[in-house]
Amino acid sequence: MSSINKNEYQRNESLSSGDEDDEENFIDDEQDEEEINVLEQVQGLFSSDVFPNVVDMFRAYQTQFDLIDFLKKHQIQSQYDYIRLINYIRSEKPSIDNLKQLKSSPSPPWADERYFETVIDNDPALQFDIEEDLNQLGELTIVTNGQDKDELKKAKERIRQLEEMVATLKSMTSRLLDDQSSNDTTTKPKMKTQNDVQDDGYFATYNHYDIHKEMLQDTVRTESYLECIKSNVDMFRNKIVLDVGCGTGILSMACLKYGQAKMVIAVDMSDMIYDAMAIAKENNIDESKLIFVHGRIEDVTLPVDKVDIIISEWMGYFLLFECMLESIIFARNQYLDKENGLVLPDDFSISMAGFHSDSLYHEHVGYWSNVYDFEMNTVAKNILADGHVMIVPAEDIVTSDCCIKNLDAYTCSNEDISFTHPFTLQVMKSGSISGFVCHFDVNFSKNLIQKVHFSTSPRSPSTHWKQTVFFLPRLYNVEEGEDIQGKLICQRNPHEKRGLIIHIHVFDSKFKFYLE
């Protein structure tokens, strides 16, 4: 899609007052140009049919979709709202019946400012002036007053500003393609690697609202970040903050509203960033203080050389799944003030324990041994090869915890994603072990006035991360006081950029699990 061309909607009102004949000729030429625009061939709003001109298109739809009735019903009296309506129809493709069923509302579905972005370049339907061209439809007219014209003038100015914003975004994202040698004389598209393709799929999952709702409704997660900001205002005040993977922009806005930051740069590769822009505007956030950048932190160029604080909610299941830690490390090395910079959160640990649950084991493994009198152990074998994300009740934990990984955001490297660590788990009650459960802890600690901690442990309030469970192929009997010794190996999946392979050596056996 292309941005709206301001020349399509903004007329030149600064006519020379020195020559009335030239002025009249100018007006005549302008009217001729507008009439030609309106009479150009146009693609139908509700079909792929091509109409000779916009007037004929609206007349053809008039029995089913009366434009003037619709405009009156929804109080669309300015070109500003009309443009968004047309782009909404082009983009979302609602049926005529769906449009007719819409009730008048102060916030109609086309109210979002993203509908200033055109779907069809030089769309004649957008050049149809509802103040001047409606008379070509016969008796259809809209009465506007002086206030409406003032609003239209303001709307056109806002369109111009939005065009500039879109142009800026395009300029920033175009840098992704400017990786050619200065000696190249031809432009060649960058070939996507397998990692690029996998990244596209990964970031696309964050285009959906449900995943953001799930994270926002995780009060342990969200309130911990907000508490850190609110309780450490002196650390944020007048500082430049980089929010890596900003999502809805809630942390960015909080840094400005509660932390009194000087500026926040919010970076996100998913298209959710466009919603974040609208959310920031909805909350009257100063646009000069909140800068959105669409792209991977590794690929974009920030408007500053250094930042004072990096804040990010990058953690995945098992802490390291999705490997977004690499992006934080890149941002830290590239942009963070080396002497006084803060990374939030900054201290992490992964722990494991043994557990047993008859219900969980049967639900995920045992069930497949008899499905309506059919054995489906083939499925069970595949399930046993995966790590599972689920809530494990605290009462099902049968051993002590053992920390298998510590991570310092100031010193860690990409190599920390792969590690090997021995473990010793003390059995707290006799019985069986059906698998191992892993959780992680998060700390906002270094150089902060008020430290904040949260955990994804089964013994703590539940989070959207839940716990990561590795089922064993059979139950193992254990006795209270016994030490279970073994080794856990975490490796990057060579075939899945953001996936992990977990090996657990225990009970004189070796088990292999995939997190993907």
Protein backbone atom coordinates (compact mmCIF):
# COMPACT_ATOMS: atom_id res chain seq x y z
CA MET A 1 0.00 0.00 0.00
CA SER A 2 1.13 3.54 -0.58
CA SER A 3 0.72 6.66 1.49
CA ILE A 4 -1.73 9.36 0.55
CA ASN A 5 -0.33 11.92 -1.85
CA LYS A 6 -0.99 15.31 -0.35
CA ASN A 7 -1.38 16.84 -3.80
CA GLU A 8 -4.53 14.77 -4.22
CA TYR A 9 -6.33 16.40 -1.32
CA GLN A 10 -4.72 19.73 -0.56
CA ARG A 11 -5.62 22.55 -2.90
CA ASN A 12 -3.49 25.59 -3.36
CA GLU A 13 -5.37 28.42 -1.69
CA SER A 14 -2.69 31.08 -2.14
CA LEU A 15 -3.85 32.50 -5.47
CA SER A 16 -2.25 35.63 -6.76
CA SER A 17 -4.41 38.69 -6.06
CA GLY A 18 -2.65 40.80 -8.67
CA ASP A 19 -4.24 39.36 -11.78
CA GLU A 20 -7.94 38.44 -11.70
CA ASP A 21 -7.81 36.89 -15.17
CA ASP A 22 -4.95 34.58 -14.16
CA GLU A 23 -6.88 33.71 -11.02
CA GLU A 24 -10.00 32.79 -12.97
CA ASN A 25 -7.93 30.70 -15.41
CA PHE A 26 -6.25 28.97 -12.47
CA ILE A 27 -9.62 28.13 -10.91
CA ASP A 28 -10.98 26.88 -14.22
CA ASP A 29 -7.92 24.68 -14.73
CA GLU A 30 -8.22 23.36 -11.19
CA GLN A 31 -11.89 22.54 -11.64
CA ASP A 32 -11.12 20.83 -14.94
CA GLU A 33 -8.42 18.77 -13.27
CA GLU A 34 -10.79 17.72 -10.45
CA GLU A 35 -13.50 16.83 -12.91
CA ILE A 36 -11.08 14.69 -14.89
CA ASN A 37 -10.01 12.91 -11.69
CA VAL A 38 -13.61 12.15 -10.80
CA LEU A 39 -14.29 10.87 -14.33
CA GLU A 40 -11.35 8.46 -14.44
CA GLN A 41 -11.98 4.70 -14.47
CA VAL A 42 -12.27 3.32 -10.97
CA GLN A 43 -12.36 -0.14 -9.39
CA GLY A 44 -15.59 -0.91 -7.58
CA LEU A 45 -15.71 -0.64 -3.81
CA PHE A 46 -17.47 -3.95 -3.34
CA SER A 47 -16.21 -5.93 -6.32
CA SER A 48 -13.39 -6.13 -8.85
CA ASP A 49 -15.61 -4.53 -11.50
CA VAL A 50 -14.22 -1.44 -13.20
CA PHE A 51 -16.55 1.53 -13.64
CA PRO A 52 -16.12 4.35 -16.16
CA ASN A 53 -15.91 6.88 -13.33
CA VAL A 54 -16.66 7.45 -9.65
CA VAL A 55 -20.07 8.98 -10.32
CA ASP A 56 -21.22 5.94 -12.30
CA MET A 57 -19.86 3.65 -9.60
CA PHE A 58 -21.87 5.32 -6.82
CA ARG A 59 -24.97 5.45 -9.01
CA ALA A 60 -24.64 1.73 -9.74
CA TYR A 61 -24.54 0.99 -6.01
CA GLN A 62 -27.27 3.46 -5.11
CA THR A 63 -30.12 0.95 -4.81
CA GLN A 64 -28.10 -1.19 -2.40
CA PHE A 65 -25.71 1.34 -0.93
CA ASP A 66 -26.98 4.91 -0.90
CA LEU A 67 -23.84 6.94 -0.34
CA ILE A 68 -25.58 10.08 0.83
CA ASP A 69 -27.80 8.23 3.30
CA PHE A 70 -24.75 6.46 4.65
CA LEU A 71 -22.79 9.70 5.00
CA LYS A 72 -25.69 11.37 6.79
CA LYS A 73 -26.34 8.40 9.07
CA HIS A 74 -22.71 8.35 10.23
CA GLN A 75 -22.31 12.14 10.19
CA ILE A 76 -19.53 12.05 7.63
CA GLN A 77 -19.38 15.68 6.62
CA SER A 78 -15.69 16.19 5.96
CA GLN A 79 -13.31 14.87 3.35
CA TYR A 80 -11.18 13.74 6.29
CA ASP A 81 -13.74 11.12 7.34
CA TYR A 82 -14.71 10.24 3.78
CA ILE A 83 -11.11 9.32 2.91
CA ARG A 84 -10.86 6.98 5.87
CA LEU A 85 -14.18 5.38 4.96
CA ILE A 86 -13.08 4.60 1.40
CA ASN A 87 -9.71 3.21 2.52
CA TYR A 88 -11.48 1.15 5.19
CA ILE A 89 -13.77 -0.40 2.57
CA ARG A 90 -10.84 -1.03 0.22
CA SER A 91 -8.73 -2.59 2.98
CA GLU A 92 -11.20 -4.59 5.07
CA LYS A 93 -13.66 -5.44 2.27
CA PRO A 94 -16.89 -5.36 4.32
CA SER A 95 -20.04 -6.41 2.50
CA ILE A 96 -22.76 -3.88 1.74
CA ASP A 97 -25.02 -5.63 4.23
CA ASN A 98 -22.37 -5.37 6.96
CA LEU A 99 -21.98 -1.67 6.32
CA LYS A 100 -25.72 -1.08 6.36
CA GLN A 101 -26.00 -2.86 9.71
CA LEU A 102 -23.47 -0.57 11.35
CA LYS A 103 -24.97 1.75 13.93
CA SER A 104 -23.96 5.36 14.19
CA SER A 105 -21.04 5.67 16.60
CA PRO A 106 -18.50 8.30 17.64
CA SER A 107 -15.82 5.66 16.96
CA PRO A 108 -16.77 3.88 13.73
CA PRO A 109 -14.45 1.12 12.44
CA TRP A 110 -12.84 3.50 9.92
CA ALA A 111 -11.88 5.99 12.65
CA ASP A 112 -8.41 4.44 12.97
CA GLU A 113 -5.81 6.72 11.42
CA ARG A 114 -4.18 3.85 9.58
CA TYR A 115 -6.99 4.24 7.06
CA PHE A 116 -5.26 7.37 5.78
CA GLU A 117 -2.98 4.96 3.97
CA THR A 118 -4.34 4.23 0.51
CA VAL A 119 -4.92 0.75 -0.84
CA ILE A 120 -4.99 1.70 -4.54
CA ASP A 121 -2.51 4.27 -5.82
CA ASN A 122 -4.14 7.43 -7.20
CA ASP A 123 -7.55 6.03 -6.32
CA PRO A 124 -10.17 8.20 -8.10
CA ALA A 125 -12.65 7.35 -5.35
CA LEU A 126 -10.45 9.26 -2.91
CA GLN A 127 -10.40 12.30 -5.19
CA PHE A 128 -14.18 12.50 -5.11
CA ASP A 129 -14.89 15.69 -3.15
CA ILE A 130 -18.04 15.19 -1.08
CA GLU A 131 -18.49 18.94 -0.78
CA GLU A 132 -18.40 19.69 -4.50
CA ASP A 133 -18.82 16.48 -6.49
CA LEU A 134 -21.92 15.03 -4.85
CA ASN A 135 -24.11 17.26 -7.05
CA GLN A 136 -23.07 15.07 -9.96
CA LEU A 137 -25.06 12.25 -8.38
CA GLY A 138 -28.30 14.13 -8.94
CA GLU A 139 -30.23 15.26 -5.90
CA LEU A 140 -27.61 14.06 -3.45
CA THR A 141 -25.98 16.88 -1.53
CA ILE A 142 -24.51 17.44 1.89
CA VAL A 143 -24.95 20.77 3.59
CA THR A 144 -21.81 22.00 5.31
CA ASN A 145 -21.33 25.07 7.43
CA GLY A 146 -18.33 27.23 8.16
CA GLN A 147 -17.32 25.07 11.10
CA ASP A 148 -17.25 21.98 8.87
CA LYS A 149 -14.97 23.77 6.43
CA ASP A 150 -12.66 24.72 9.26
CA GLU A 151 -12.62 21.11 10.35
CA LEU A 152 -11.85 20.07 6.78
CA LYS A 153 -8.95 22.48 6.63
CA LYS A 154 -7.60 21.06 9.89
CA ALA A 155 -8.14 17.56 8.57
CA LYS A 156 -6.14 18.28 5.45
CA GLU A 157 -3.30 19.62 7.55
CA ARG A 158 -3.44 16.46 9.67
CA ILE A 159 -3.29 14.38 6.49
CA ARG A 160 -0.16 16.27 5.49
CA GLN A 161 1.40 15.54 8.87
CA LEU A 162 0.47 11.87 8.61
CA GLU A 163 2.01 11.71 5.15
CA GLU A 164 5.24 13.01 6.59
CA MET A 165 5.10 10.39 9.35
CA VAL A 166 4.52 7.61 6.81
CA ALA A 167 7.37 8.95 4.66
CA THR A 168 9.65 8.89 7.70
CA LEU A 169 8.70 5.31 8.49
CA LYS A 170 9.27 4.27 4.90
CA SER A 171 12.65 5.96 4.92
CA MET A 172 13.65 4.11 8.07
CA THR A 173 12.50 0.70 6.86
CA SER A 174 14.06 1.23 3.44
CA ARG A 175 17.45 1.09 5.12
CA LEU A 176 16.91 -2.65 5.36
CA LEU A 177 17.42 -2.82 1.62
CA ASP A 178 20.42 -0.48 1.47
CA ASP A 179 23.03 -3.13 2.20
CA GLN A 180 24.64 -3.14 -1.22
CA SER A 181 28.14 -2.08 -2.03
CA SER A 182 28.56 1.53 -3.10
CA ASN A 183 30.05 0.20 -6.34
CA ASP A 184 26.85 -1.60 -7.33
CA THR A 185 25.01 0.06 -10.18
CA THR A 186 21.89 -2.07 -10.08
CA THR A 187 19.44 -2.75 -7.28
CA LYS A 188 19.03 -6.41 -6.41
CA PRO A 189 16.55 -7.68 -3.86
CA LYS A 190 18.10 -9.22 -0.77
CA MET A 191 17.64 -12.98 -0.82
CA LYS A 192 15.96 -14.26 2.33
CA THR A 193 17.81 -16.90 4.27
CA GLN A 194 16.11 -19.74 6.12
CA ASN A 195 16.60 -17.73 9.32
CA ASP A 196 14.87 -14.72 7.72
CA VAL A 197 11.88 -16.87 6.75
CA GLN A 198 11.67 -18.32 10.26
CA ASP A 199 11.90 -14.82 11.71
CA ASP A 200 9.02 -13.67 9.49
CA GLY A 201 6.87 -16.43 10.95
CA TYR A 202 8.00 -15.66 14.49
CA PHE A 203 7.23 -11.95 14.31
CA ALA A 204 3.94 -12.62 12.48
CA THR A 205 2.64 -14.40 15.59
CA TYR A 206 2.86 -11.06 17.38
CA ASN A 207 0.55 -9.42 14.85
CA HIS A 208 -2.42 -10.96 16.63
CA TYR A 209 -4.18 -9.19 19.49
CA ASP A 210 -4.80 -12.33 21.56
CA ILE A 211 -1.14 -12.85 22.38
CA HIS A 212 -0.82 -9.23 23.54
CA LYS A 213 -3.98 -9.53 25.60
CA GLU A 214 -2.60 -12.65 27.26
CA MET A 215 0.63 -10.87 28.17
CA LEU A 216 -1.10 -7.72 29.40
CA GLN A 217 -3.49 -9.75 31.53
CA ASP A 218 -0.53 -11.48 33.16
CA THR A 219 -0.58 -9.23 36.22
CA VAL A 220 2.60 -10.73 37.70
CA ARG A 221 4.51 -9.81 34.54
CA THR A 222 2.96 -6.44 33.75
CA GLU A 223 2.73 -5.10 37.29
CA SER A 224 6.34 -6.07 38.00
CA TYR A 225 7.54 -3.91 35.13
CA LEU A 226 5.26 -1.04 36.13
CA GLU A 227 6.36 -1.31 39.76
CA CYS A 228 10.00 -1.11 38.68
CA ILE A 229 9.30 2.09 36.72
CA LYS A 230 7.10 3.74 39.35
CA SER A 231 9.41 2.86 42.24
CA ASN A 232 12.57 4.06 40.51
CA VAL A 233 11.49 7.37 39.00
CA ASP A 234 14.86 8.95 39.78
CA MET A 235 16.54 6.36 37.57
CA PHE A 236 14.23 7.11 34.62
CA ARG A 237 13.82 10.87 34.93
CA ASN A 238 15.24 12.76 31.91
CA LYS A 239 16.79 9.56 30.53
CA ILE A 240 16.65 8.12 27.02
CA VAL A 241 15.01 4.68 27.08
CA LEU A 242 15.07 1.95 24.42
CA ASP A 243 12.12 -0.47 24.50
CA VAL A 244 13.06 -3.58 22.50
CA GLY A 245 9.99 -5.47 21.29
CA CYS A 246 7.53 -2.79 22.40
CA GLY A 247 4.33 -4.63 21.40
CA THR A 248 1.38 -2.44 22.41
CA GLY A 249 3.80 0.20 23.73
CA ILE A 250 2.65 -0.09 27.35
CA LEU A 251 6.19 -0.05 28.79
CA SER A 252 7.19 2.84 26.54
CA MET A 253 4.22 4.91 27.67
CA ALA A 254 4.84 3.96 31.30
CA CYS A 255 8.46 5.15 31.09
CA LEU A 256 7.18 8.55 29.97
CA LYS A 257 4.11 8.81 32.18
CA TYR A 258 5.45 7.30 35.40
CA GLY A 259 9.21 7.39 34.91
CA GLN A 260 9.34 10.92 33.44
CA ALA A 261 11.82 9.78 30.80
CA LYS A 262 13.20 12.36 28.38
CA MET A 263 12.59 10.14 25.34
CA VAL A 264 11.58 6.57 24.59
CA ILE A 265 12.50 4.77 21.37
CA ALA A 266 10.11 1.85 20.83
CA VAL A 267 11.28 -0.83 18.40
CA ASP A 268 9.22 -3.75 17.13
CA MET A 269 9.36 -5.90 14.02
CA SER A 270 5.69 -6.95 14.12
CA ASP A 271 2.93 -4.86 12.58
CA MET A 272 1.55 -4.37 16.08
CA ILE A 273 3.75 -1.28 16.19
CA TYR A 274 1.18 0.57 14.07
CA ASP A 275 -1.45 -0.15 16.70
CA ALA A 276 1.02 1.02 19.34
CA MET A 277 1.32 4.35 17.49
CA ALA A 278 -2.46 4.78 17.57
CA ILE A 279 -2.56 3.75 21.24
CA ALA A 280 0.05 6.37 22.11
CA LYS A 281 -1.97 9.03 20.29
CA GLU A 282 -5.15 7.84 22.03
CA ASN A 283 -3.42 8.45 25.36
CA ASN A 284 -2.11 11.90 24.35
CA ILE A 285 1.53 10.82 24.52
CA ASP A 286 3.86 13.53 23.22
CA GLU A 287 4.93 12.34 19.75
CA SER A 288 8.27 14.13 20.09
CA LYS A 289 9.09 12.00 23.15
CA LEU A 290 7.95 8.59 21.91
CA ILE A 291 9.67 7.50 18.69
CA PHE A 292 8.44 4.30 17.05
CA VAL A 293 10.80 2.32 14.82
CA HIS A 294 9.49 -0.62 12.78
CA GLY A 295 12.05 -3.35 12.24
CA ARG A 296 14.46 -5.69 13.97
CA ILE A 297 16.76 -3.92 16.42
CA GLU A 298 19.66 -5.52 14.55
CA ASP A 299 18.62 -3.91 11.26
CA VAL A 300 17.29 -0.45 12.09
CA THR A 301 19.13 2.78 12.77
CA LEU A 302 18.07 4.61 15.92
CA PRO A 303 17.79 8.41 16.07
CA VAL A 304 20.40 8.49 18.88
CA ASP A 305 23.86 7.00 19.32
CA LYS A 306 23.46 5.93 22.94
CA VAL A 307 20.61 5.23 25.37
CA ASP A 308 20.58 5.30 29.16
CA ILE A 309 18.17 2.41 29.73
CA ILE A 310 17.15 -0.68 27.80
CA ILE A 311 13.85 -2.17 28.92
CA SER A 312 12.35 -5.26 27.36
CA GLU A 313 10.07 -8.17 28.10
CA TRP A 314 12.07 -10.64 26.04
CA MET A 315 11.72 -13.82 28.09
CA GLY A 316 10.30 -16.94 26.46
CA TYR A 317 9.26 -20.31 27.78
CA PHE A 318 12.15 -21.94 29.65
CA LEU A 319 13.43 -18.34 29.69
CA LEU A 320 15.52 -18.84 26.54
CA PHE A 321 12.99 -20.18 24.03
CA GLU A 322 12.60 -17.77 21.07
CA CYS A 323 16.22 -16.64 21.67
CA MET A 324 15.21 -12.99 21.81
CA LEU A 325 18.05 -12.62 24.30
CA GLU A 326 20.29 -12.13 21.26
CA SER A 327 18.45 -8.92 20.40
CA ILE A 328 18.93 -7.57 23.92
CA ILE A 329 22.63 -8.38 23.77
CA PHE A 330 22.91 -6.61 20.42
CA ALA A 331 21.08 -3.53 21.72
CA ARG A 332 23.25 -3.51 24.85
CA ASN A 333 26.51 -3.73 22.89
CA GLN A 334 25.43 -1.26 20.22
CA TYR A 335 23.51 1.43 22.09
CA LEU A 336 23.77 1.24 25.89
CA ASP A 337 25.85 3.81 27.75
CA LYS A 338 28.75 1.66 28.91
CA GLU A 339 29.37 3.47 32.18
CA ASN A 340 25.95 4.17 33.68
CA GLY A 341 23.48 2.36 31.43
CA LEU A 342 20.76 0.09 32.83
CA VAL A 343 19.26 -3.09 31.38
CA LEU A 344 15.84 -3.98 32.80
CA PRO A 345 15.31 -6.63 33.97
CA ASP A 346 18.93 -7.65 34.53
CA ASP A 347 19.24 -10.87 36.57
CA PHE A 348 17.71 -14.26 35.68
CA SER A 349 17.90 -17.88 36.75
CA ILE A 350 16.44 -21.19 35.53
CA SER A 351 15.61 -23.93 38.03
CA MET A 352 14.30 -27.48 37.75
CA ALA A 353 12.55 -29.99 40.02
CA GLY A 354 11.06 -33.44 39.82
CA PHE A 355 7.27 -33.82 39.90
CA HIS A 356 4.56 -36.41 39.66
CA SER A 357 0.95 -35.94 38.57
CA ASP A 358 -1.27 -38.88 37.63
CA SER A 359 -3.75 -36.56 35.95
CA LEU A 360 -1.21 -34.61 33.85
CA TYR A 361 0.65 -37.77 32.87
CA HIS A 362 -2.52 -39.53 31.79
CA GLU A 363 -3.83 -36.47 29.96
CA HIS A 364 -0.70 -36.00 27.87
CA VAL A 365 0.92 -39.46 27.70
CA GLY A 366 -1.12 -42.33 29.13
CA TYR A 367 -4.29 -41.40 27.24
CA TRP A 368 -2.80 -42.62 23.95
CA SER A 369 -2.32 -46.20 25.13
CA ASN A 370 -6.05 -46.87 24.74
CA VAL A 371 -8.18 -44.63 22.56
CA TYR A 372 -11.55 -46.31 22.12
CA ASP A 373 -9.75 -49.67 22.35
CA PHE A 374 -7.05 -48.64 19.85
CA GLU A 375 -3.40 -48.23 20.76
CA MET A 376 -1.92 -44.93 19.62
CA ASN A 377 1.46 -45.09 21.29
CA THR A 378 3.00 -43.59 18.15
CA VAL A 379 1.44 -40.29 19.17
CA ALA A 380 2.64 -40.73 22.74
CA LYS A 381 6.22 -41.16 21.51
CA ASN A 382 6.02 -37.90 19.61
CA ILE A 383 4.52 -36.11 22.62
CA LEU A 384 7.32 -37.41 24.84
CA ALA A 385 9.85 -35.83 22.48
CA ASP A 386 8.47 -32.33 23.13
CA GLY A 387 8.72 -29.97 26.02
CA HIS A 388 5.28 -28.86 27.20
CA VAL A 389 4.08 -25.55 28.61
CA MET A 390 1.55 -26.02 31.39
CA ILE A 391 0.71 -25.22 35.00
CA VAL A 392 2.07 -27.77 37.47
CA PRO A 393 0.34 -27.62 40.89
CA ALA A 394 2.80 -26.93 43.71
CA GLU A 395 1.61 -30.05 45.58
CA ASP A 396 2.86 -32.21 42.67
CA ILE A 397 6.49 -31.16 43.22
CA VAL A 398 8.33 -34.08 44.87
CA THR A 399 11.93 -32.81 44.99
CA SER A 400 13.90 -29.75 45.92
CA ASP A 401 14.69 -27.13 43.27
CA CYS A 402 18.09 -26.91 41.63
CA CYS A 403 19.34 -23.84 39.76
CA ILE A 404 20.76 -24.89 36.40
CA LYS A 405 21.46 -21.48 34.83
CA ASN A 406 22.21 -17.93 35.97
CA LEU A 407 22.16 -15.05 33.53
CA ASP A 408 23.44 -11.49 33.97
CA ALA A 409 22.05 -9.12 31.31
CA TYR A 410 25.16 -6.92 31.59
CA THR A 411 27.71 -9.65 30.87
CA CYS A 412 25.94 -12.50 29.08
CA SER A 413 26.66 -13.39 25.45
CA ASN A 414 24.89 -15.34 22.71
CA GLU A 415 26.86 -18.41 23.78
CA ASP A 416 24.90 -18.44 27.06
CA ILE A 417 21.85 -19.72 25.20
CA SER A 418 23.58 -23.10 25.01
CA PHE A 419 24.80 -24.56 28.29
CA THR A 420 25.40 -27.73 30.29
CA HIS A 421 24.77 -27.96 34.03
CA PRO A 422 24.75 -30.88 36.51
CA PHE A 423 21.88 -31.09 38.98
CA THR A 424 21.12 -32.74 42.29
CA LEU A 425 17.50 -32.97 43.40
CA GLN A 426 16.63 -34.16 46.88
CA VAL A 427 13.44 -36.20 47.09
CA MET A 428 11.06 -34.67 49.63
CA LYS A 429 8.46 -37.46 49.66
CA SER A 430 8.48 -41.08 48.56
CA GLY A 431 6.54 -42.01 45.47
CA SER A 432 7.00 -41.67 41.73
CA ILE A 433 8.48 -39.12 39.33
CA SER A 434 6.73 -38.67 36.01
CA GLY A 435 8.89 -35.85 34.73
CA PHE A 436 10.82 -32.66 35.39
CA VAL A 437 9.46 -29.13 35.58
CA CYS A 438 11.50 -26.00 34.89
CA HIS A 439 10.76 -22.39 35.79
CA PHE A 440 12.67 -19.12 35.80
CA ASP A 441 13.06 -16.14 38.12
CA VAL A 442 13.43 -12.50 37.07
CA ASN A 443 15.04 -9.63 38.98
CA PHE A 444 15.22 -5.87 38.44
CA SER A 445 18.11 -5.21 40.76
CA LYS A 446 21.42 -3.59 39.78
CA ASN A 447 21.72 0.09 40.76
CA LEU A 448 17.99 0.39 41.46
CA ILE A 449 16.57 2.12 44.52
CA GLN A 450 13.67 -0.32 44.71
CA LYS A 451 14.39 -3.87 43.53
CA VAL A 452 11.64 -5.99 41.99
CA HIS A 453 11.42 -9.77 41.65
CA PHE A 454 8.97 -12.25 40.19
CA SER A 455 9.01 -15.98 39.58
CA THR A 456 7.30 -18.46 37.29
CA SER A 457 7.68 -21.23 39.87
CA PRO A 458 4.79 -23.63 40.58
CA ARG A 459 4.96 -22.24 44.13
CA SER A 460 4.34 -18.66 42.91
CA PRO A 461 1.27 -17.00 41.38
CA SER A 462 0.81 -18.29 37.83
CA THR A 463 1.99 -16.35 34.79
CA HIS A 464 1.41 -16.69 31.05
CA TRP A 465 4.80 -18.45 30.87
CA LYS A 466 3.44 -21.21 33.15
CA GLN A 467 6.15 -23.88 33.53
CA THR A 468 8.06 -26.02 31.04
CA VAL A 469 7.53 -29.74 31.56
CA PHE A 470 9.55 -32.70 30.27
CA PHE A 471 7.66 -35.98 30.68
CA LEU A 472 9.61 -39.22 31.17
CA PRO A 473 8.56 -42.29 29.13
CA ARG A 474 7.72 -44.17 32.33
CA LEU A 475 7.34 -43.54 36.04
CA TYR A 476 10.42 -43.80 38.28
CA ASN A 477 10.07 -44.74 41.96
CA VAL A 478 11.98 -42.59 44.45
CA GLU A 479 12.44 -42.55 48.23
CA GLU A 480 12.32 -39.57 50.57
CA GLY A 481 15.82 -38.22 51.24
CA GLU A 482 17.23 -39.76 48.06
CA ASP A 483 19.39 -37.57 45.80
CA ILE A 484 18.59 -37.64 42.11
CA GLN A 485 21.70 -36.68 40.19
CA GLY A 486 21.94 -35.89 36.53
CA LYS A 487 22.84 -33.36 33.87
CA LEU A 488 20.81 -30.98 31.72
CA ILE A 489 22.11 -29.80 28.36
CA CYS A 490 20.49 -26.93 26.49
CA GLN A 491 21.38 -26.48 22.81
CA ARG A 492 20.26 -24.28 19.95
CA ASN A 493 18.21 -26.17 17.39
CA PRO A 494 20.31 -26.07 14.20
CA HIS A 495 17.17 -26.32 12.03
CA GLU A 496 14.92 -23.91 13.92
CA LYS A 497 16.53 -20.57 14.68
CA ARG A 498 14.50 -19.80 17.79
CA GLY A 499 14.03 -23.38 18.98
CA LEU A 500 15.93 -25.32 21.65
CA ILE A 501 16.90 -28.93 22.19
CA ILE A 502 17.03 -30.09 25.81
CA HIS A 503 18.91 -33.23 26.88
CA ILE A 504 18.38 -34.64 30.36
CA HIS A 505 20.72 -37.40 31.53
CA VAL A 506 19.23 -39.06 34.60
CA PHE A 507 18.27 -42.51 35.95
CA ASP A 508 21.09 -44.02 33.85
CA SER A 509 19.25 -42.89 30.72
CA LYS A 510 19.41 -40.04 28.21
CA PHE A 511 16.27 -38.19 27.20
CA LYS A 512 15.94 -35.66 24.39
CA PHE A 513 13.25 -32.98 24.11
CA TYR A 514 12.43 -30.24 21.61
CA LEU A 515 11.13 -26.76 22.33
CA GLU A 516 9.83 -25.31 19.06
